[in-house]
Amino acid sequence: VDYSVSGQYTCSTKNTINSQEKPSSATLQINVYSHTDVTMTTTPPPRGRPYYLTGDTLTITCLVEGAPRSSFTFTKDNSVIKSYKNDSSDLDVTASDHSVVYKYKRSKLNLNDNAEFSCSSTNSFTSGNTNMDKEKAVIKVYEPVRVMMSVSSPYP
């Protein structure tokens, strides 16, 4: 059973006895509830590297599903991220009836972007449950090695 069966259902009957119509109906409301489910993905570092370099771009996507709709926490090093309103990053939100997608985008990574990101969610169906769904991603950013050479001439 999934969310698509939620709704109001009516059953109607008509019976004719002794030439009299006797209509009858009953209405049933079905609500499908579920625990929350969090899926977290990150854009992979460029060129197949297992790490990011300063200047790279990172997108972290968190898909939160559940009914009723979940409350959601997105953190960077245990600090809640709300919304960044500058040129370098933003938290975009797209919602539907039973899911919400959060995207955190950071362009031109720097060494301060080394962090642990996490997404967690809970809803009224799971509110008494201390095991809320949570996913984590650890982002490592390194400075590329730059070699400077100086060549001196033997001639004055």
Protein backbone atom coordinates (compact mmCIF):
# COMPACT_ATOMS: atom_id res chain seq x y z
CA VAL A 1 0.00 0.00 0.00
CA ASP A 2 1.36 3.41 -0.87
CA TYR A 3 0.29 7.03 -0.50
CA SER A 4 -1.78 6.96 -3.70
CA VAL A 5 -4.56 4.98 -1.98
CA SER A 6 -5.11 7.72 0.62
CA GLY A 7 -8.46 9.43 0.19
CA GLN A 8 -12.17 9.27 0.73
CA TYR A 9 -14.13 6.32 -0.60
CA THR A 10 -17.94 6.10 -0.86
CA CYS A 11 -19.97 2.96 -1.39
CA SER A 12 -23.55 3.45 -2.53
CA THR A 13 -26.32 0.89 -2.92
CA LYS A 14 -29.89 1.02 -4.15
CA ASN A 15 -32.47 -1.62 -3.35
CA THR A 16 -36.01 -1.68 -4.61
CA ILE A 17 -38.47 -3.63 -2.49
CA ASN A 18 -42.21 -3.22 -2.92
CA SER A 19 -41.57 -0.53 -5.56
CA GLN A 20 -39.83 1.75 -3.03
CA GLU A 21 -36.25 2.89 -3.51
CA LYS A 22 -34.13 2.65 -0.41
CA PRO A 23 -30.73 4.24 -1.13
CA SER A 24 -27.89 3.69 1.28
CA SER A 25 -24.28 4.84 1.33
CA ALA A 26 -21.23 4.74 3.55
CA THR A 27 -18.08 6.84 3.41
CA LEU A 28 -14.64 5.71 4.48
CA GLN A 29 -11.52 7.87 4.85
CA ILE A 30 -8.23 6.04 4.31
CA ASN A 31 -4.96 7.71 5.28
CA VAL A 32 -1.68 5.95 4.60
CA TYR A 33 1.07 6.91 7.04
CA SER A 34 4.69 5.91 7.02
CA HIS A 35 7.94 6.48 8.80
CA THR A 36 10.24 9.02 7.20
CA ASP A 37 12.96 7.97 4.81
CA VAL A 38 16.02 10.11 4.05
CA THR A 39 18.30 9.62 1.06
CA MET A 40 21.43 11.77 0.81
CA THR A 41 23.63 12.05 -2.28
CA THR A 42 26.62 14.22 -3.17
CA THR A 43 28.11 15.13 -6.50
CA PRO A 44 31.30 13.14 -6.91
CA PRO A 45 34.61 15.01 -7.05
CA PRO A 46 35.80 15.76 -10.60
CA ARG A 47 37.99 13.38 -12.59
CA GLY A 48 37.25 10.38 -10.35
CA ARG A 49 39.20 11.75 -7.37
CA PRO A 50 38.14 10.50 -3.90
CA TYR A 51 38.38 14.09 -2.56
CA TYR A 52 37.57 17.67 -3.55
CA LEU A 53 40.06 20.41 -4.34
CA THR A 54 39.65 24.09 -3.59
CA GLY A 55 37.66 25.65 -6.41
CA ASP A 56 35.53 22.52 -7.05
CA THR A 57 31.71 22.62 -6.90
CA LEU A 58 29.69 20.49 -4.48
CA THR A 59 25.97 19.70 -4.46
CA ILE A 60 24.43 17.72 -1.61
CA THR A 61 20.88 16.49 -2.21
CA CYS A 62 18.59 15.21 0.54
CA LEU A 63 15.33 13.52 -0.41
CA VAL A 64 12.92 13.20 2.52
CA GLU A 65 9.82 11.02 2.09
CA GLY A 66 7.03 10.22 4.52
CA ALA A 67 3.38 10.76 5.37
CA PRO A 68 2.39 12.99 6.96
CA ARG A 69 5.04 15.39 5.65
CA SER A 70 8.24 15.33 7.67
CA SER A 71 10.04 17.96 9.65
CA PHE A 72 13.59 18.13 8.44
CA THR A 73 17.01 19.20 9.74
CA PHE A 74 20.01 19.80 7.49
CA THR A 75 23.25 20.45 9.36
CA LYS A 76 26.88 21.29 8.68
CA ASP A 77 29.13 20.28 11.59
CA ASN A 78 26.05 20.04 13.85
CA SER A 79 24.93 23.62 13.05
CA VAL A 80 21.56 23.93 11.32
CA ILE A 81 21.74 25.26 7.77
CA LYS A 82 18.77 27.44 6.97
CA SER A 83 19.39 29.29 3.74
CA TYR A 84 22.39 30.94 2.20
CA LYS A 85 21.55 34.08 0.26
CA ASN A 86 24.77 34.90 -1.52
CA ASP A 87 26.38 34.10 -4.83
CA SER A 88 28.32 31.07 -3.63
CA SER A 89 25.67 28.80 -2.09
CA ASP A 90 21.97 28.27 -1.50
CA LEU A 91 19.56 25.74 -0.04
CA ASP A 92 16.87 25.03 -2.66
CA VAL A 93 13.65 23.31 -1.61
CA THR A 94 11.20 21.41 -3.85
CA ALA A 95 8.14 19.83 -2.23
CA SER A 96 5.31 17.48 -3.21
CA ASP A 97 2.60 15.81 -1.12
CA HIS A 98 4.83 13.21 0.51
CA SER A 99 8.39 14.24 -0.28
CA VAL A 100 10.73 17.20 -0.03
CA VAL A 101 14.04 17.61 -1.86
CA TYR A 102 16.68 19.88 -0.34
CA LYS A 103 19.74 20.86 -2.38
CA TYR A 104 22.77 22.54 -0.88
CA LYS A 105 25.12 23.89 -3.54
CA ARG A 106 28.52 25.33 -2.89
CA SER A 107 30.71 26.55 -5.71
CA LYS A 108 34.38 27.35 -5.37
CA LEU A 109 35.03 25.16 -2.36
CA ASN A 110 37.70 26.31 0.08
CA LEU A 111 39.44 24.70 3.04
CA ASN A 112 36.66 25.96 5.38
CA ASP A 113 34.24 23.63 3.56
CA ASN A 114 35.75 20.52 5.19
CA ALA A 115 32.71 19.40 7.16
CA GLU A 116 30.26 16.70 8.14
CA PHE A 117 26.83 17.28 6.63
CA SER A 118 23.74 15.45 7.82
CA CYS A 119 20.05 15.23 6.96
CA SER A 120 17.51 13.96 9.44
CA SER A 121 13.74 13.86 9.54
CA THR A 122 10.77 12.86 11.64
CA ASN A 123 6.99 13.20 11.32
CA SER A 124 4.01 12.88 13.65
CA PHE A 125 3.84 9.16 12.86
CA THR A 126 7.41 8.71 14.13
CA SER A 127 7.43 11.49 16.76
CA GLY A 128 7.71 9.07 19.68
CA ASN A 129 10.51 7.21 17.94
CA THR A 130 14.02 8.26 18.94
CA ASN A 131 15.39 6.51 15.85
CA MET A 132 14.64 9.24 13.34
CA ASP A 133 16.05 8.62 9.88
CA LYS A 134 19.43 10.30 9.38
CA GLU A 135 22.17 10.24 6.76
CA LYS A 136 25.66 11.78 6.84
CA ALA A 137 28.33 12.79 4.36
CA VAL A 138 31.87 13.86 5.24
CA ILE A 139 33.38 16.29 2.75
CA LYS A 140 37.17 16.63 2.49
CA VAL A 141 38.66 19.57 0.59
CA TYR A 142 42.39 19.84 -0.12
CA GLU A 143 44.55 22.59 -1.53
CA PRO A 144 46.27 21.47 -4.75
CA VAL A 145 50.04 21.30 -4.53
CA ARG A 146 51.74 24.10 -6.41
CA VAL A 147 55.41 23.82 -7.24
CA MET A 148 57.31 27.04 -7.75
CA MET A 149 60.62 26.82 -9.53
CA SER A 150 63.19 29.47 -9.89
CA VAL A 151 65.90 29.13 -12.46
CA SER A 152 68.99 31.21 -12.13
CA SER A 153 71.23 31.88 -15.03
CA PRO A 154 74.98 31.27 -14.74
CA TYR A 155 75.45 34.37 -16.87
CA PRO A 156 75.32 37.85 -15.37
